[in-house]
């Protein structure tokens, strides 16, 4: 029978990692927790096998601190065990294992790519998060593929992190995700596109102004070239700018001897909008009609509409969904 508990502070001060490894097997879970923390602070590579074993400790807090210690040590021998810890019954341990794996950089990539094939969607979600954290550009293609995952949660996470990591090569696929059956996926894709199209925060500057700003000529030109070239594209804009968009596109159409009716037909068949805040999808027919009414209002041809119908809200420069305060939209063009 042990009469004295190990003094973890003194053991750490001496750098006695072997004694701390023994403390990982102490009957007292608090001693085991303190030992795990101390080994992490010491970055004791020699303790990695014992720490890996301790990921099976019966106490959740001990397992969490062991995962944290392994992340701090950064020894590649721990990658497989931490990947297994993503399956821990304790959500806090799973979160700590995810954070730890993110510290391994390229060393964690292969393990996470394998995890993307796991049948459990929550594991695929965590794998995407880790891959986003490692900063390896070679994995972006794998994350883009996850936009086609059968589970909504995985597609949402893929859309979110593609915007977060600035994956410009994902633009076309994110535009396609604006047509996803899931409202949450559409919202994630719209938010990512807004980030990728506007990395400098120009939209935030515009929101600070009271008047509606004209669309940037370069953004409009890009949209027009994509329309002519039969390429998918998107445009982050204020809903109140629909009038200006329609006016400029109509000018370009007429210059090519195309009619206003053709513009409207193309919008109805190929355009749609998604609110980056709530994810509501708005058909192109409603967008072009709202743009026409906005112009008629500005010219005094019609009285201001009233009510809360989606079209009325669009004419007022608001999201079509009642209760959503957004005044922005991601306009998508699909040939």
Protein backbone atom coordinates (compact mmCIF):
# COMPACT_ATOMS: atom_id res chain seq x y z
CA UNK A 1 0.00 0.00 0.00
CA UNK A 2 1.37 3.41 -1.04
CA UNK A 3 1.62 5.90 1.81
CA UNK A 4 2.64 8.90 -0.28
CA UNK A 5 1.36 10.26 -3.53
CA UNK A 6 3.94 11.27 -6.14
CA UNK A 7 4.79 14.98 -6.12
CA UNK A 8 4.18 15.75 -9.77
CA UNK A 9 5.47 19.33 -9.54
CA UNK A 10 8.83 18.17 -8.20
CA UNK A 11 9.08 15.41 -10.77
CA UNK A 12 8.42 17.89 -13.54
CA UNK A 13 10.95 20.36 -12.13
CA UNK A 14 13.56 17.60 -12.20
CA UNK A 15 12.55 16.56 -15.71
CA UNK A 16 12.00 13.03 -14.43
CA UNK A 17 9.71 11.84 -17.20
CA UNK A 18 10.10 8.17 -16.25
CA UNK A 19 8.64 8.84 -12.81
CA UNK A 20 5.86 10.84 -14.46
CA UNK A 21 5.14 7.90 -16.76
CA UNK A 22 4.74 5.73 -13.66
CA UNK A 23 2.37 8.38 -12.28
CA UNK A 24 0.17 7.88 -15.35
CA UNK A 25 -0.78 4.54 -13.77
CA UNK A 26 -1.59 5.96 -10.32
CA UNK A 27 -4.94 4.94 -8.82
CA UNK A 28 -5.83 8.60 -8.28
CA UNK A 29 -7.19 10.14 -11.51
CA UNK A 30 -6.04 13.60 -10.41
CA UNK A 31 -2.44 12.37 -10.21
CA UNK A 32 -2.80 10.81 -13.66
CA UNK A 33 -4.16 14.11 -14.99
CA UNK A 34 -1.29 16.13 -13.49
CA UNK A 35 1.23 13.67 -14.88
CA UNK A 36 -0.22 13.95 -18.38
CA UNK A 37 -0.04 17.75 -18.25
CA UNK A 38 3.53 17.67 -16.96
CA UNK A 39 4.66 15.30 -19.70
CA UNK A 40 3.11 17.57 -22.30
CA UNK A 41 4.90 20.60 -20.91
CA UNK A 42 8.19 18.68 -20.86
CA UNK A 43 7.59 17.57 -24.48
CA UNK A 44 8.80 14.17 -23.35
CA UNK A 45 9.13 12.09 -26.54
CA UNK A 46 10.19 9.12 -24.45
CA UNK A 47 6.77 9.16 -22.79
CA UNK A 48 4.80 8.95 -26.04
CA UNK A 49 4.14 5.15 -25.92
CA UNK A 50 2.82 5.45 -22.35
CA UNK A 51 0.68 8.45 -23.29
CA UNK A 52 -0.76 6.58 -26.24
CA UNK A 53 -1.73 3.78 -23.88
CA UNK A 54 -3.26 6.33 -21.51
CA UNK A 55 -5.70 7.42 -24.25
CA UNK A 56 -7.67 4.38 -23.02
CA UNK A 57 -7.81 5.69 -19.42
CA UNK A 58 -11.22 5.19 -17.82
CA UNK A 59 -11.39 8.87 -16.82
CA UNK A 60 -12.47 11.31 -19.55
CA UNK A 61 -10.47 14.25 -18.22
CA UNK A 62 -7.30 12.16 -18.16
CA UNK A 63 -7.88 11.12 -21.78
CA UNK A 64 -8.46 14.74 -22.76
CA UNK A 65 -5.21 15.90 -21.12
CA UNK A 66 -3.31 13.01 -22.66
CA UNK A 67 -4.56 14.01 -26.13
CA UNK A 68 -3.50 17.58 -25.44
CA UNK A 69 -0.06 16.43 -24.30
CA UNK A 70 0.43 14.33 -27.42
CA UNK A 71 -0.50 17.29 -29.60
CA UNK A 72 2.02 19.45 -27.79
CA UNK A 73 4.79 16.88 -28.09
CA UNK A 74 4.15 16.42 -31.80
CA UNK A 75 5.61 12.94 -32.15
CA UNK A 76 4.27 11.27 -35.32
CA UNK A 77 3.87 7.96 -33.47
CA UNK A 78 0.78 9.47 -31.84
CA UNK A 79 -1.11 10.30 -35.05
CA UNK A 80 -2.86 6.94 -35.41
CA UNK A 81 -3.88 6.84 -31.74
CA UNK A 82 -5.23 10.40 -31.89
CA UNK A 83 -7.19 9.51 -35.02
CA UNK A 84 -8.74 6.67 -33.03
CA UNK A 85 -9.48 9.14 -30.21
CA UNK A 86 -11.81 10.96 -32.64
CA UNK A 87 -14.13 8.03 -31.85
CA UNK A 88 -13.94 8.55 -28.07
CA UNK A 89 -17.33 8.41 -26.31
CA UNK A 90 -16.61 11.79 -24.67
CA UNK A 91 -17.20 14.72 -27.03
CA UNK A 92 -14.64 16.84 -25.18
CA UNK A 93 -11.97 14.20 -25.75
CA UNK A 94 -12.93 14.01 -29.43
CA UNK A 95 -12.57 17.78 -29.70
CA UNK A 96 -9.15 17.73 -28.03
CA UNK A 97 -7.97 14.91 -30.31
CA UNK A 98 -9.08 16.96 -33.31
CA UNK A 99 -7.18 20.00 -32.05
CA UNK A 100 -4.10 17.87 -31.37
CA UNK A 101 -4.12 16.36 -34.85
CA UNK A 102 -4.28 19.85 -36.34
CA UNK A 103 -0.87 20.54 -34.79
CA UNK A 104 0.79 17.70 -36.70
CA UNK A 105 0.54 19.39 -40.08
CA UNK A 106 1.37 17.15 -43.03
CA UNK A 107 2.01 14.20 -40.70
CA UNK A 108 -1.74 13.93 -40.06
CA UNK A 109 -2.85 14.17 -43.70
CA UNK A 110 -2.86 10.50 -44.69
CA UNK A 111 -4.67 9.44 -41.54
CA UNK A 112 -7.36 12.09 -42.06
CA UNK A 113 -7.79 11.19 -45.74
CA UNK A 114 -8.47 7.63 -44.61
CA UNK A 115 -10.94 8.93 -42.03
CA UNK A 116 -12.87 10.69 -44.82
CA UNK A 117 -13.89 7.20 -45.89
CA UNK A 118 -15.30 6.29 -42.47
CA UNK A 119 -19.04 5.45 -42.54
CA UNK A 120 -19.69 7.76 -39.57
CA UNK A 121 -20.41 11.32 -40.77
CA UNK A 122 -19.26 12.93 -37.52
CA UNK A 123 -15.79 11.47 -38.11
CA UNK A 124 -15.73 12.75 -41.69
CA UNK A 125 -16.64 16.20 -40.37
CA UNK A 126 -13.73 16.13 -37.91
CA UNK A 127 -11.37 14.90 -40.60
CA UNK A 128 -12.30 17.89 -42.77
CA UNK A 129 -11.63 20.26 -39.88
CA UNK A 130 -8.22 18.73 -39.24
CA UNK A 131 -7.30 18.86 -42.93
CA UNK A 132 -8.26 22.54 -42.98
CA UNK A 133 -6.01 23.21 -39.99
CA UNK A 134 -2.91 21.48 -41.33
CA UNK A 135 -2.54 24.05 -44.10
CA UNK A 136 -1.48 21.56 -46.77
CA UNK A 137 -2.78 22.82 -50.14
CA UNK A 138 -2.63 19.31 -51.56
CA UNK A 139 -5.69 18.31 -49.52
CA UNK A 140 -8.02 21.00 -50.87
CA UNK A 141 -9.21 18.67 -53.61
CA UNK A 142 -10.29 16.13 -50.99
CA UNK A 143 -12.26 18.78 -49.13
CA UNK A 144 -13.91 19.90 -52.38
CA UNK A 145 -14.98 16.30 -53.01
CA UNK A 146 -16.73 16.34 -49.62
CA UNK A 147 -19.24 18.84 -51.09
CA UNK A 148 -20.79 15.73 -52.69
CA UNK A 149 -20.91 13.74 -49.45
CA UNK A 150 -24.21 11.96 -48.80
CA UNK A 151 -24.49 13.55 -45.35
CA UNK A 152 -25.61 17.17 -45.00
CA UNK A 153 -23.28 17.84 -42.03
CA UNK A 154 -20.22 16.87 -44.04
CA UNK A 155 -21.23 19.05 -47.00
CA UNK A 156 -21.85 22.00 -44.68
CA UNK A 157 -18.43 21.63 -43.06
CA UNK A 158 -16.72 21.30 -46.43
CA UNK A 159 -18.34 24.53 -47.64
CA UNK A 160 -17.47 26.35 -44.45
CA UNK A 161 -13.79 25.44 -44.38
CA UNK A 162 -13.27 26.07 -48.11
CA UNK A 163 -14.16 29.68 -47.47
CA UNK A 164 -12.12 29.75 -44.29
CA UNK A 165 -8.91 28.56 -45.99
CA UNK A 166 -9.39 30.76 -49.07
CA UNK A 167 -9.69 27.90 -51.56
CA UNK A 168 -10.18 29.84 -54.80
CA UNK A 169 -10.01 26.60 -56.79
CA UNK A 170 -13.32 25.63 -55.15
CA UNK A 171 -15.30 28.52 -56.66
CA UNK A 172 -17.04 26.51 -59.36
CA UNK A 173 -18.01 23.69 -57.00
CA UNK A 174 -19.26 26.15 -54.38
CA UNK A 175 -21.43 27.80 -57.01
CA UNK A 176 -22.86 24.37 -57.74
CA UNK A 177 -23.50 23.86 -54.01
CA UNK A 178 -25.86 26.86 -54.09
CA UNK A 179 -28.32 24.44 -55.71
CA UNK A 180 -27.98 21.86 -52.91
CA UNK A 181 -31.25 20.54 -51.51
CA UNK A 182 -30.07 21.44 -48.01
CA UNK A 183 -30.69 24.96 -46.81
CA UNK A 184 -27.65 24.74 -44.47
CA UNK A 185 -25.34 23.64 -47.29
CA UNK A 186 -26.54 26.52 -49.47
CA UNK A 187 -25.90 28.95 -46.64
CA UNK A 188 -22.38 27.58 -46.06
CA UNK A 189 -21.58 27.76 -49.78
CA UNK A 190 -22.94 31.31 -50.06
CA UNK A 191 -20.92 32.44 -47.07
CA UNK A 192 -17.78 30.83 -48.51
CA UNK A 193 -18.32 32.48 -51.88
CA UNK A 194 -18.83 35.84 -50.21
CA UNK A 195 -15.49 35.40 -48.43
CA UNK A 196 -13.65 34.21 -51.53
CA UNK A 197 -15.08 36.89 -53.80
CA UNK A 198 -14.58 39.68 -51.26
CA UNK A 199 -11.45 38.89 -49.21
CA UNK A 200 -10.76 42.57 -48.54
CA UNK A 201 -14.06 43.19 -46.82
CA UNK A 202 -15.44 45.57 -49.44
CA UNK A 203 -18.98 44.45 -48.65
CA UNK A 204 -18.49 45.47 -45.01
CA UNK A 205 -17.46 48.93 -46.17
CA UNK A 206 -20.51 49.16 -48.39
CA UNK A 207 -22.78 48.14 -45.52
CA UNK A 208 -21.48 51.10 -43.55
CA UNK A 209 -22.77 53.50 -46.22
CA UNK A 210 -26.38 54.61 -46.34
CA UNK A 211 -26.70 54.83 -50.13
CA UNK A 212 -26.60 51.87 -52.49
CA UNK A 213 -23.23 51.67 -54.19
CA UNK A 214 -22.94 50.78 -57.88
CA UNK A 215 -21.58 47.37 -58.75
CA UNK A 216 -17.85 47.25 -59.37
CA UNK A 217 -17.14 47.36 -63.10
CA UNK A 218 -14.62 44.53 -62.81
CA UNK A 219 -17.06 42.26 -60.96
CA UNK A 220 -19.77 42.99 -63.51
CA UNK A 221 -17.35 42.35 -66.38
CA UNK A 222 -16.34 38.99 -64.87
CA UNK A 223 -19.98 38.01 -64.51
CA UNK A 224 -20.75 39.03 -68.10
CA UNK A 225 -17.77 37.12 -69.53
CA UNK A 226 -18.81 34.00 -67.65
CA UNK A 227 -22.35 34.31 -68.99
CA UNK A 228 -21.06 34.60 -72.56
CA UNK A 229 -18.52 31.83 -72.08
CA UNK A 230 -21.03 29.37 -70.64
CA UNK A 231 -19.14 29.11 -67.34
CA UNK A 232 -20.64 28.98 -63.85
CA UNK A 233 -19.94 32.06 -61.77
CA UNK A 234 -21.19 34.00 -58.75
CA UNK A 235 -21.45 37.59 -57.63
CA UNK A 236 -21.69 38.85 -54.04
CA UNK A 237 -23.93 41.90 -54.03
CA UNK A 238 -26.51 43.92 -52.17
CA UNK A 239 -30.10 43.05 -53.02
CA UNK A 240 -30.74 46.74 -53.73
CA UNK A 241 -28.13 46.51 -56.51
CA UNK A 242 -30.35 44.21 -58.58
CA UNK A 243 -31.72 47.22 -60.42
CA UNK A 244 -28.24 48.39 -61.42
CA UNK A 245 -27.23 44.86 -62.43
CA UNK A 246 -30.24 44.47 -64.69
CA UNK A 247 -29.68 47.90 -66.25
CA UNK A 248 -26.01 47.18 -67.06
CA UNK A 249 -26.70 43.69 -68.37
CA UNK A 250 -29.53 44.99 -70.52
CA UNK A 251 -27.19 47.60 -72.01
CA UNK A 252 -24.70 44.85 -72.88
CA UNK A 253 -27.47 42.65 -74.31
CA UNK A 254 -28.82 45.41 -76.52
CA UNK A 255 -25.31 46.17 -77.76
CA UNK A 256 -25.17 42.57 -79.01
CA UNK A 257 -28.61 42.90 -80.64
CA UNK A 258 -30.24 40.78 -77.97
CA UNK A 259 -33.59 41.67 -76.44
CA UNK A 260 -34.81 42.42 -72.93
CA UNK A 261 -37.00 39.33 -73.14
CA UNK A 262 -33.92 37.19 -73.82
CA UNK A 263 -32.21 38.59 -70.73
CA UNK A 264 -35.26 37.74 -68.62
CA UNK A 265 -35.49 34.25 -70.12
CA UNK A 266 -31.81 33.58 -69.39
CA UNK A 267 -32.18 34.77 -65.81
CA UNK A 268 -35.20 32.56 -65.27
CA UNK A 269 -33.36 29.54 -66.65
CA UNK A 270 -29.85 29.99 -65.34
CA UNK A 271 -29.71 32.41 -62.40
CA UNK A 272 -30.59 32.01 -58.75
CA UNK A 273 -29.73 33.74 -55.51
CA UNK A 274 -28.85 32.50 -52.03
CA UNK A 275 -28.84 34.60 -48.88
CA UNK A 276 -25.47 34.14 -47.13
CA UNK A 277 -27.14 34.64 -43.74
CA UNK A 278 -30.17 32.34 -43.79
CA UNK A 279 -29.53 30.16 -46.86
CA UNK A 280 -32.89 30.82 -48.51
CA UNK A 281 -32.80 30.20 -52.27
CA UNK A 282 -34.43 32.71 -54.61
CA UNK A 283 -35.23 31.80 -58.23
CA UNK A 284 -33.88 33.89 -61.06
CA UNK A 285 -37.41 34.82 -62.15
CA UNK A 286 -38.03 36.56 -58.82
CA UNK A 287 -34.67 38.33 -58.94
CA UNK A 288 -35.16 39.79 -62.42
CA UNK A 289 -38.73 40.83 -61.59
CA UNK A 290 -37.57 42.52 -58.38
CA UNK A 291 -34.87 44.32 -60.39
CA UNK A 292 -37.49 45.57 -62.85
CA UNK A 293 -39.73 46.82 -60.03
CA UNK A 294 -36.77 48.50 -58.30
CA UNK A 295 -36.06 50.41 -61.52
CA UNK A 296 -39.72 51.37 -61.98
CA UNK A 297 -39.78 52.62 -58.39
CA UNK A 298 -36.67 54.75 -58.90
CA UNK A 299 -38.26 56.27 -62.04
CA UNK A 300 -41.57 56.89 -60.25
CA UNK A 301 -43.47 54.61 -62.61
CA UNK A 302 -45.10 52.59 -59.82
CA UNK A 303 -45.97 53.08 -56.18
CA UNK A 304 -43.87 51.38 -53.51
CA UNK A 305 -45.20 47.87 -52.77
CA UNK A 306 -46.24 47.02 -49.25
CA UNK A 307 -46.52 43.86 -47.19
CA UNK A 308 -44.12 41.07 -46.30
CA UNK A 309 -44.33 38.86 -49.38
CA UNK A 310 -40.94 37.64 -50.63
CA UNK A 311 -41.09 39.77 -53.78
CA UNK A 312 -41.99 42.87 -51.79
CA UNK A 313 -39.04 42.33 -49.48
CA UNK A 314 -36.69 41.90 -52.45
CA UNK A 315 -37.95 45.15 -53.96
CA UNK A 316 -37.11 46.83 -50.65
CA UNK A 317 -33.57 45.45 -50.79
CA UNK A 318 -34.19 42.86 -48.07
CA UNK A 319 -33.83 39.10 -47.90
CA UNK A 320 -36.94 37.31 -49.15
CA UNK A 321 -37.29 35.41 -45.88
CA UNK A 322 -39.30 37.21 -43.22
CA UNK A 323 -37.21 37.56 -40.08
CA UNK A 324 -33.85 37.60 -41.84
CA UNK A 325 -32.09 40.94 -41.59
CA UNK A 326 -29.64 40.39 -44.43
CA UNK A 327 -29.52 42.81 -47.35
CA UNK A 328 -27.04 40.76 -49.35
CA UNK A 329 -27.25 37.95 -51.81
CA UNK A 330 -24.94 35.59 -53.67
CA UNK A 331 -26.08 35.61 -57.29
CA UNK A 332 -25.19 32.33 -59.00
CA UNK A 333 -25.09 31.65 -62.73
CA UNK A 334 -25.26 28.05 -63.95
CA UNK A 335 -25.08 27.48 -67.74
